[in-house]
Amino acid sequence: MADHERRALDKKRVAEMKRDLNPAQLDTLRDLEMLGWSLKFVRNKPFAPAMPVVVDPSGEKHALLEEDGTLNEHPPFTIRP
């Protein structure tokens, strides 16, 4: 797959994940993106709020965006690299 096709798919996937975020989470995510962080995945469990996970520019540090938009650097679950 060509790089431009892969980037287009990545942008589409991120846009789809962002639909699960509430306004407070989106505001925090926008601020973090200006610092190089990115949305890695959104953990969805039945009957529970979305749990978006972000990663720092180095790809080493992960954090959870809480419902109120705060950043939880010690999420209640293990994130595998």
PDB file of N, CA and C in Angstrom:
ATOM      1  N   MET A   1       0.841  -1.169   0.000  1.00  0.00           N
ATOM      2  CA  MET A   1       0.000   0.000   0.000  1.00  0.00           C
ATOM      3  C   MET A   1       0.890   1.236   0.000  1.00  0.00           C
ATOM      4  N   ALA A   2       0.566   2.195  -0.803  1.00  0.00           N
ATOM      5  CA  ALA A   2       1.344   3.425  -0.892  1.00  0.00           C
ATOM      6  C   ALA A   2       1.176   4.236   0.390  1.00  0.00           C
ATOM      7  N   ASP A   3       2.210   5.048   0.696  1.00  0.00           N
ATOM      8  CA  ASP A   3       2.170   5.853   1.915  1.00  0.00           C
ATOM      9  C   ASP A   3       0.963   6.780   1.961  1.00  0.00           C
ATOM     10  N   HIS A   4       0.645   7.419   0.825  1.00  0.00           N
ATOM     11  CA  HIS A   4      -0.478   8.359   0.843  1.00  0.00           C
ATOM     12  C   HIS A   4      -1.799   7.645   1.112  1.00  0.00           C
ATOM     13  N   GLU A   5      -1.938   6.408   0.658  1.00  0.00           N
ATOM     14  CA  GLU A   5      -3.148   5.633   0.943  1.00  0.00           C
ATOM     15  C   GLU A   5      -3.204   5.263   2.421  1.00  0.00           C
ATOM     16  N   ARG A   6      -2.069   4.894   2.981  1.00  0.00           N
ATOM     17  CA  ARG A   6      -2.009   4.522   4.398  1.00  0.00           C
ATOM     18  C   ARG A   6      -2.344   5.727   5.273  1.00  0.00           C
ATOM     19  N   ARG A   7      -1.794   6.898   4.922  1.00  0.00           N
ATOM     20  CA  ARG A   7      -2.084   8.105   5.702  1.00  0.00           C
ATOM     21  C   ARG A   7      -3.572   8.449   5.631  1.00  0.00           C
ATOM     22  N   ALA A   8      -4.172   8.277   4.459  1.00  0.00           N
ATOM     23  CA  ALA A   8      -5.602   8.560   4.304  1.00  0.00           C
ATOM     24  C   ALA A   8      -6.428   7.613   5.177  1.00  0.00           C
ATOM     25  N   LEU A   9      -6.037   6.342   5.219  1.00  0.00           N
ATOM     26  CA  LEU A   9      -6.738   5.376   6.067  1.00  0.00           C
ATOM     27  C   LEU A   9      -6.559   5.714   7.541  1.00  0.00           C
ATOM     28  N   ASP A  10      -5.343   6.130   7.940  1.00  0.00           N
ATOM     29  CA  ASP A  10      -5.088   6.504   9.328  1.00  0.00           C
ATOM     30  C   ASP A  10      -5.945   7.702   9.729  1.00  0.00           C
ATOM     31  N   LYS A  11      -6.035   8.708   8.861  1.00  0.00           N
ATOM     32  CA  LYS A  11      -6.854   9.885   9.158  1.00  0.00           C
ATOM     33  C   LYS A  11      -8.317   9.503   9.306  1.00  0.00           C
ATOM     34  N   LYS A  12      -8.784   8.603   8.458  1.00  0.00           N
ATOM     35  CA  LYS A  12     -10.175   8.155   8.528  1.00  0.00           C
ATOM     36  C   LYS A  12     -10.424   7.397   9.827  1.00  0.00           C
ATOM     37  N   ARG A  13      -9.492   6.544  10.213  1.00  0.00           N
ATOM     38  CA  ARG A  13      -9.624   5.766  11.446  1.00  0.00           C
ATOM     39  C   ARG A  13      -9.650   6.689  12.667  1.00  0.00           C
ATOM     40  N   VAL A  14      -8.765   7.692  12.679  1.00  0.00           N
ATOM     41  CA  VAL A  14      -8.730   8.635  13.799  1.00  0.00           C
ATOM     42  C   VAL A  14     -10.027   9.436  13.851  1.00  0.00           C
ATOM     43  N   ALA A  15     -10.523   9.864  12.698  1.00  0.00           N
ATOM     44  CA  ALA A  15     -11.786  10.612  12.660  1.00  0.00           C
ATOM     45  C   ALA A  15     -12.928   9.768  13.220  1.00  0.00           C
ATOM     46  N   GLU A  16     -12.934   8.489  12.892  1.00  0.00           N
ATOM     47  CA  GLU A  16     -13.971   7.591  13.414  1.00  0.00           C
ATOM     48  C   GLU A  16     -13.852   7.444  14.933  1.00  0.00           C
ATOM     49  N   MET A  17     -12.631   7.344  15.440  1.00  0.00           N
ATOM     50  CA  MET A  17     -12.436   7.210  16.885  1.00  0.00           C
ATOM     51  C   MET A  17     -12.868   8.482  17.608  1.00  0.00           C
ATOM     52  N   LYS A  18     -12.599   9.636  17.011  1.00  0.00           N
ATOM     53  CA  LYS A  18     -12.938  10.908  17.656  1.00  0.00           C
ATOM     54  C   LYS A  18     -14.445  11.069  17.841  1.00  0.00           C
ATOM     55  N   ARG A  19     -15.238  10.375  17.036  1.00  0.00           N
ATOM     56  CA  ARG A  19     -16.696  10.464  17.178  1.00  0.00           C
ATOM     57  C   ARG A  19     -17.173   9.929  18.519  1.00  0.00           C
ATOM     58  N   ASP A  20     -16.378   9.073  19.152  1.00  0.00           N
ATOM     59  CA  ASP A  20     -16.745   8.500  20.449  1.00  0.00           C
ATOM     60  C   ASP A  20     -16.414   9.421  21.619  1.00  0.00           C
ATOM     61  N   LEU A  21     -15.691  10.513  21.369  1.00  0.00           N
ATOM     62  CA  LEU A  21     -15.247  11.401  22.437  1.00  0.00           C
ATOM     63  C   LEU A  21     -16.283  12.484  22.715  1.00  0.00           C
ATOM     64  N   ASN A  22     -16.360  12.900  23.972  1.00  0.00           N
ATOM     65  CA  ASN A  22     -17.258  13.995  24.335  1.00  0.00           C
ATOM     66  C   ASN A  22     -16.522  15.331  24.150  1.00  0.00           C
ATOM     67  N   PRO A  23     -17.218  16.467  24.257  1.00  0.00           N
ATOM     68  CA  PRO A  23     -16.566  17.763  24.023  1.00  0.00           C
ATOM     69  C   PRO A  23     -15.354  18.033  24.915  1.00  0.00           C
ATOM     70  N   ALA A  24     -15.414  17.656  26.188  1.00  0.00           N
ATOM     71  CA  ALA A  24     -14.275  17.889  27.088  1.00  0.00           C
ATOM     72  C   ALA A  24     -13.057  17.084  26.638  1.00  0.00           C
ATOM     73  N   GLN A  25     -13.275  15.838  26.243  1.00  0.00           N
ATOM     74  CA  GLN A  25     -12.173  14.996  25.766  1.00  0.00           C
ATOM     75  C   GLN A  25     -11.602  15.546  24.460  1.00  0.00           C
ATOM     76  N   LEU A  26     -12.472  16.011  23.574  1.00  0.00           N
ATOM     77  CA  LEU A  26     -12.002  16.573  22.302  1.00  0.00           C
ATOM     78  C   LEU A  26     -11.168  17.830  22.521  1.00  0.00           C
ATOM     79  N   ASP A  27     -11.579  18.683  23.469  1.00  0.00           N
ATOM     80  CA  ASP A  27     -10.806  19.893  23.769  1.00  0.00           C
ATOM     81  C   ASP A  27      -9.406  19.535  24.254  1.00  0.00           C
ATOM     82  N   THR A  28      -9.331  18.589  25.184  1.00  0.00           N
ATOM     83  CA  THR A  28      -8.026  18.169  25.704  1.00  0.00           C
ATOM     84  C   THR A  28      -7.193  17.530  24.605  1.00  0.00           C
ATOM     85  N   LEU A  29      -7.822  16.709  23.779  1.00  0.00           N
ATOM     86  CA  LEU A  29      -7.097  16.055  22.691  1.00  0.00           C
ATOM     87  C   LEU A  29      -6.507  17.088  21.736  1.00  0.00           C
ATOM     88  N   ARG A  30      -7.273  18.122  21.396  1.00  0.00           N
ATOM     89  CA  ARG A  30      -6.754  19.176  20.507  1.00  0.00           C
ATOM     90  C   ARG A  30      -5.508  19.822  21.107  1.00  0.00           C
ATOM     91  N   ASP A  31      -5.563  20.110  22.416  1.00  0.00           N
ATOM     92  CA  ASP A  31      -4.399  20.701  23.088  1.00  0.00           C
ATOM     93  C   ASP A  31      -3.202  19.752  23.047  1.00  0.00           C
ATOM     94  N   LEU A  32      -3.445  18.479  23.315  1.00  0.00           N
ATOM     95  CA  LEU A  32      -2.362  17.494  23.310  1.00  0.00           C
ATOM     96  C   LEU A  32      -1.775  17.310  21.913  1.00  0.00           C
ATOM     97  N   GLU A  33      -2.632  17.351  20.889  1.00  0.00           N
ATOM     98  CA  GLU A  33      -2.148  17.193  19.514  1.00  0.00           C
ATOM     99  C   GLU A  33      -1.189  18.317  19.140  1.00  0.00           C
ATOM    100  N   MET A  34      -1.402  19.512  19.693  1.00  0.00           N
ATOM    101  CA  MET A  34      -0.477  20.621  19.425  1.00  0.00           C
ATOM    102  C   MET A  34       0.892  20.353  20.044  1.00  0.00           C
ATOM    103  N   LEU A  35       0.936  19.470  21.032  1.00  0.00           N
ATOM    104  CA  LEU A  35       2.196  19.102  21.680  1.00  0.00           C
ATOM    105  C   LEU A  35       2.776  17.809  21.116  1.00  0.00           C
ATOM    106  N   GLY A  36       2.137  17.277  20.065  1.00  0.00           N
ATOM    107  CA  GLY A  36       2.661  16.086  19.410  1.00  0.00           C
ATOM    108  C   GLY A  36       2.019  14.774  19.828  1.00  0.00           C
ATOM    109  N   TRP A  37       1.117  14.805  20.816  1.00  0.00           N
ATOM    110  CA  TRP A  37       0.434  13.589  21.238  1.00  0.00           C
ATOM    111  C   TRP A  37      -0.580  13.196  20.175  1.00  0.00           C
ATOM    112  N   SER A  38      -0.992  11.925  20.174  1.00  0.00           N
ATOM    113  CA  SER A  38      -1.999  11.479  19.211  1.00  0.00           C
ATOM    114  C   SER A  38      -2.926  10.452  19.856  1.00  0.00           C
ATOM    115  N   LEU A  39      -4.107  10.346  19.280  1.00  0.00           N
ATOM    116  CA  LEU A  39      -5.090   9.371  19.741  1.00  0.00           C
ATOM    117  C   LEU A  39      -4.666   7.999  19.248  1.00  0.00           C
ATOM    118  N   LYS A  40      -4.448   7.084  20.167  1.00  0.00           N
ATOM    119  CA  LYS A  40      -3.967   5.742  19.819  1.00  0.00           C
ATOM    120  C   LYS A  40      -5.135   4.787  19.570  1.00  0.00           C
ATOM    121  N   PHE A  41      -6.069   4.727  20.522  1.00  0.00           N
ATOM    122  CA  PHE A  41      -7.257   3.893  20.361  1.00  0.00           C
ATOM    123  C   PHE A  41      -8.310   4.343  21.360  1.00  0.00           C
ATOM    124  N   VAL A  42      -9.523   3.870  21.163  1.00  0.00           N
ATOM    125  CA  VAL A  42     -10.611   4.132  22.102  1.00  0.00           C
ATOM    126  C   VAL A  42     -11.128   2.781  22.574  1.00  0.00           C
ATOM    127  N   ARG A  43     -11.053   2.579  23.865  1.00  0.00           N
ATOM    128  CA  ARG A  43     -11.546   1.327  24.452  1.00  0.00           C
ATOM    129  C   ARG A  43     -13.038   1.493  24.712  1.00  0.00           C
ATOM    130  N   ASN A  44     -13.826   0.642  24.099  1.00  0.00           N
ATOM    131  CA  ASN A  44     -15.280   0.686  24.260  1.00  0.00           C
ATOM    132  C   ASN A  44     -15.757  -0.596  24.918  1.00  0.00           C
ATOM    133  N   LYS A  45     -16.472  -0.426  26.021  1.00  0.00           N
ATOM    134  CA  LYS A  45     -17.076  -1.561  26.713  1.00  0.00           C
ATOM    135  C   LYS A  45     -18.582  -1.321  26.727  1.00  0.00           C
ATOM    136  N   PRO A  46     -19.370  -2.381  26.645  1.00  0.00           N
ATOM    137  CA  PRO A  46     -20.825  -2.209  26.689  1.00  0.00           C
ATOM    138  C   PRO A  46     -21.269  -1.483  27.963  1.00  0.00           C
ATOM    139  N   PHE A  47     -22.172  -0.541  27.800  1.00  0.00           N
ATOM    140  CA  PHE A  47     -22.772   0.194  28.914  1.00  0.00           C
ATOM    141  C   PHE A  47     -21.751   0.994  29.727  1.00  0.00           C
ATOM    142  N   ALA A  48     -20.646   1.357  29.112  1.00  0.00           N
ATOM    143  CA  ALA A  48     -19.622   2.157  29.784  1.00  0.00           C
ATOM    144  C   ALA A  48     -19.186   3.280  28.843  1.00  0.00           C
ATOM    145  N   PRO A  49     -18.726   4.388  29.405  1.00  0.00           N
ATOM    146  CA  PRO A  49     -18.263   5.478  28.538  1.00  0.00           C
ATOM    147  C   PRO A  49     -16.998   5.081  27.775  1.00  0.00           C
ATOM    148  N   ALA A  50     -16.784   5.739  26.657  1.00  0.00           N
ATOM    149  CA  ALA A  50     -15.579   5.498  25.859  1.00  0.00           C
ATOM    150  C   ALA A  50     -14.343   5.868  26.677  1.00  0.00           C
ATOM    151  N   MET A  51     -13.267   5.115  26.476  1.00  0.00           N
ATOM    152  CA  MET A  51     -12.013   5.362  27.185  1.00  0.00           C
ATOM    153  C   MET A  51     -10.914   5.605  26.148  1.00  0.00           C
ATOM    154  N   PRO A  52     -10.736   6.876  25.719  1.00  0.00           N
ATOM    155  CA  PRO A  52      -9.721   7.176  24.720  1.00  0.00           C
ATOM    156  C   PRO A  52      -8.312   7.163  25.318  1.00  0.00           C
ATOM    157  N   VAL A  53      -7.394   6.533  24.610  1.00  0.00           N
ATOM    158  CA  VAL A  53      -6.003   6.454  25.044  1.00  0.00           C
ATOM    159  C   VAL A  53      -5.153   7.240  24.055  1.00  0.00           C
ATOM    160  N   VAL A  54      -4.300   8.107  24.605  1.00  0.00           N
ATOM    161  CA  VAL A  54      -3.402   8.919  23.786  1.00  0.00           C
ATOM    162  C   VAL A  54      -1.964   8.491  24.031  1.00  0.00           C
ATOM    163  N   VAL A  55      -1.106   8.823  23.077  1.00  0.00           N
ATOM    164  CA  VAL A  55       0.309   8.459  23.179  1.00  0.00           C
ATOM    165  C   VAL A  55       1.153   9.697  22.888  1.00  0.00           C
ATOM    166  N   ASP A  56       2.272   9.813  23.605  1.00  0.00           N
ATOM    167  CA  ASP A  56       3.157  10.963  23.407  1.00  0.00           C
ATOM    168  C   ASP A  56       3.949  10.807  22.111  1.00  0.00           C
ATOM    169  N   PRO A  57       4.653  11.864  21.682  1.00  0.00           N
ATOM    170  CA  PRO A  57       5.374  11.805  20.403  1.00  0.00           C
ATOM    171  C   PRO A  57       6.409  10.686  20.309  1.00  0.00           C
ATOM    172  N   SER A  58       6.987  10.291  21.434  1.00  0.00           N
ATOM    173  CA  SER A  58       7.997   9.228  21.398  1.00  0.00           C
ATOM    174  C   SER A  58       7.356   7.847  21.264  1.00  0.00           C
ATOM    175  N   GLY A  59       6.053   7.763  21.549  1.00  0.00           N
ATOM    176  CA  GLY A  59       5.357   6.482  21.496  1.00  0.00           C
ATOM    177  C   GLY A  59       5.553   5.644  22.743  1.00  0.00           C
ATOM    178  N   GLU A  60       6.199   6.204  23.751  1.00  0.00           N
ATOM    179  CA  GLU A  60       6.516   5.449  24.963  1.00  0.00           C
ATOM    180  C   GLU A  60       5.535   5.677  26.104  1.00  0.00           C
ATOM    181  N   LYS A  61       4.947   6.858  26.166  1.00  0.00           N
ATOM    182  CA  LYS A  61       4.074   7.200  27.288  1.00  0.00           C
ATOM    183  C   LYS A  61       2.619   7.232  26.817  1.00  0.00           C
ATOM    184  N   HIS A  62       1.763   6.491  27.513  1.00  0.00           N
ATOM    185  CA  HIS A  62       0.338   6.441  27.200  1.00  0.00           C
ATOM    186  C   HIS A  62      -0.444   7.050  28.358  1.00  0.00           C
ATOM    187  N   ALA A  63      -1.606   7.609  28.029  1.00  0.00           N
ATOM    188  CA  ALA A  63      -2.472   8.171  29.060  1.00  0.00           C
ATOM    189  C   ALA A  63      -3.926   8.034  28.619  1.00  0.00           C
ATOM    190  N   LEU A  64      -4.806   8.085  29.587  1.00  0.00           N
ATOM    191  CA  LEU A  64      -6.240   7.965  29.357  1.00  0.00           C
ATOM    192  C   LEU A  64      -6.870   9.350  29.453  1.00  0.00           C
ATOM    193  N   LEU A  65      -7.755   9.676  28.518  1.00  0.00           N
ATOM    194  CA  LEU A  65      -8.528  10.918  28.607  1.00  0.00           C
ATOM    195  C   LEU A  65      -9.812  10.610  29.374  1.00  0.00           C
ATOM    196  N   GLU A  66      -9.913  11.142  30.580  1.00  0.00           N
ATOM    197  CA  GLU A  66     -11.092  10.891  31.407  1.00  0.00           C
ATOM    198  C   GLU A  66     -12.303  11.619  30.828  1.00  0.00           C
ATOM    199  N   GLU A  67     -13.493  11.271  31.316  1.00  0.00           N
ATOM    200  CA  GLU A  67     -14.729  11.871  30.813  1.00  0.00           C
ATOM    201  C   GLU A  67     -14.746  13.390  30.953  1.00  0.00           C
ATOM    202  N   ASP A  68     -14.110  13.917  32.009  1.00  0.00           N
ATOM    203  CA  ASP A  68     -14.107  15.363  32.227  1.00  0.00           C
ATOM    204  C   ASP A  68     -12.983  16.068  31.470  1.00  0.00           C
ATOM    205  N   GLY A  69     -12.235  15.318  30.663  1.00  0.00           N
ATOM    206  CA  GLY A  69     -11.166  15.902  29.860  1.00  0.00           C
ATOM    207  C   GLY A  69      -9.808  15.903  30.534  1.00  0.00           C
ATOM    208  N   THR A  70      -9.727  15.429  31.771  1.00  0.00           N
ATOM    209  CA  THR A  70      -8.425  15.377  32.438  1.00  0.00           C
ATOM    210  C   THR A  70      -7.606  14.212  31.892  1.00  0.00           C
ATOM    211  N   LEU A  71      -6.309  14.345  32.031  1.00  0.00           N
ATOM    212  CA  LEU A  71      -5.379  13.339  31.540  1.00  0.00           C
ATOM    213  C   LEU A  71      -4.971  12.434  32.694  1.00  0.00           C
ATOM    214  N   ASN A  72      -5.218  11.145  32.562  1.00  0.00           N
ATOM    215  CA  ASN A  72      -4.865  10.162  33.590  1.00  0.00           C
ATOM    216  C   ASN A  72      -3.662   9.376  33.078  1.00  0.00           C
ATOM    217  N   GLU A  73      -2.505   9.662  33.650  1.00  0.00           N
ATOM    218  CA  GLU A  73      -1.282   8.999  33.209  1.00  0.00           C
ATOM    219  C   GLU A  73      -1.101   7.619  33.838  1.00  0.00           C
ATOM    220  N   HIS A  74      -2.041   7.227  34.686  1.00  0.00           N
ATOM    221  CA  HIS A  74      -2.010   5.905  35.322  1.00  0.00           C
ATOM    222  C   HIS A  74      -3.382   5.255  35.162  1.00  0.00           C
ATOM    223  N   PRO A  75      -3.729   4.852  33.926  1.00  0.00           N
ATOM    224  CA  PRO A  75      -5.057   4.275  33.689  1.00  0.00           C
ATOM    225  C   PRO A  75      -5.267   2.982  34.471  1.00  0.00           C
ATOM    226  N   PRO A  76      -6.547   2.625  34.700  1.00  0.00           N
ATOM    227  CA  PRO A  76      -6.863   1.440  35.499  1.00  0.00           C
ATOM    228  C   PRO A  76      -6.737   0.123  34.730  1.00  0.00           C
ATOM    229  N   PHE A  77      -6.004   0.138  33.650  1.00  0.00           N
ATOM    230  CA  PHE A  77      -5.777  -1.079  32.869  1.00  0.00           C
ATOM    231  C   PHE A  77      -4.393  -1.004  32.251  1.00  0.00           C
ATOM    232  N   THR A  78      -3.870  -2.146  31.847  1.00  0.00           N
ATOM    233  CA  THR A  78      -2.534  -2.218  31.265  1.00  0.00           C
ATOM    234  C   THR A  78      -2.604  -1.940  29.771  1.00  0.00           C
ATOM    235  N   ILE A  79      -1.692  -1.109  29.306  1.00  0.00           N
ATOM    236  CA  ILE A  79      -1.601  -0.800  27.875  1.00  0.00           C
ATOM    237  C   ILE A  79      -0.333  -1.449  27.353  1.00  0.00           C
ATOM    238  N   ARG A  80      -0.515  -2.382  26.429  1.00  0.00           N
ATOM    239  CA  ARG A  80       0.641  -3.065  25.845  1.00  0.00           C
ATOM    240  C   ARG A  80       1.207  -2.218  24.713  1.00  0.00           C
ATOM    241  N   PRO A  81       2.534  -2.222  24.549  1.00  0.00           N
ATOM    242  CA  PRO A  81       3.144  -1.443  23.452  1.00  0.00           C
ATOM    243  C   PRO A  81       2.775  -1.980  22.084  1.00  0.00           C
TER     244      PRO A  81
END
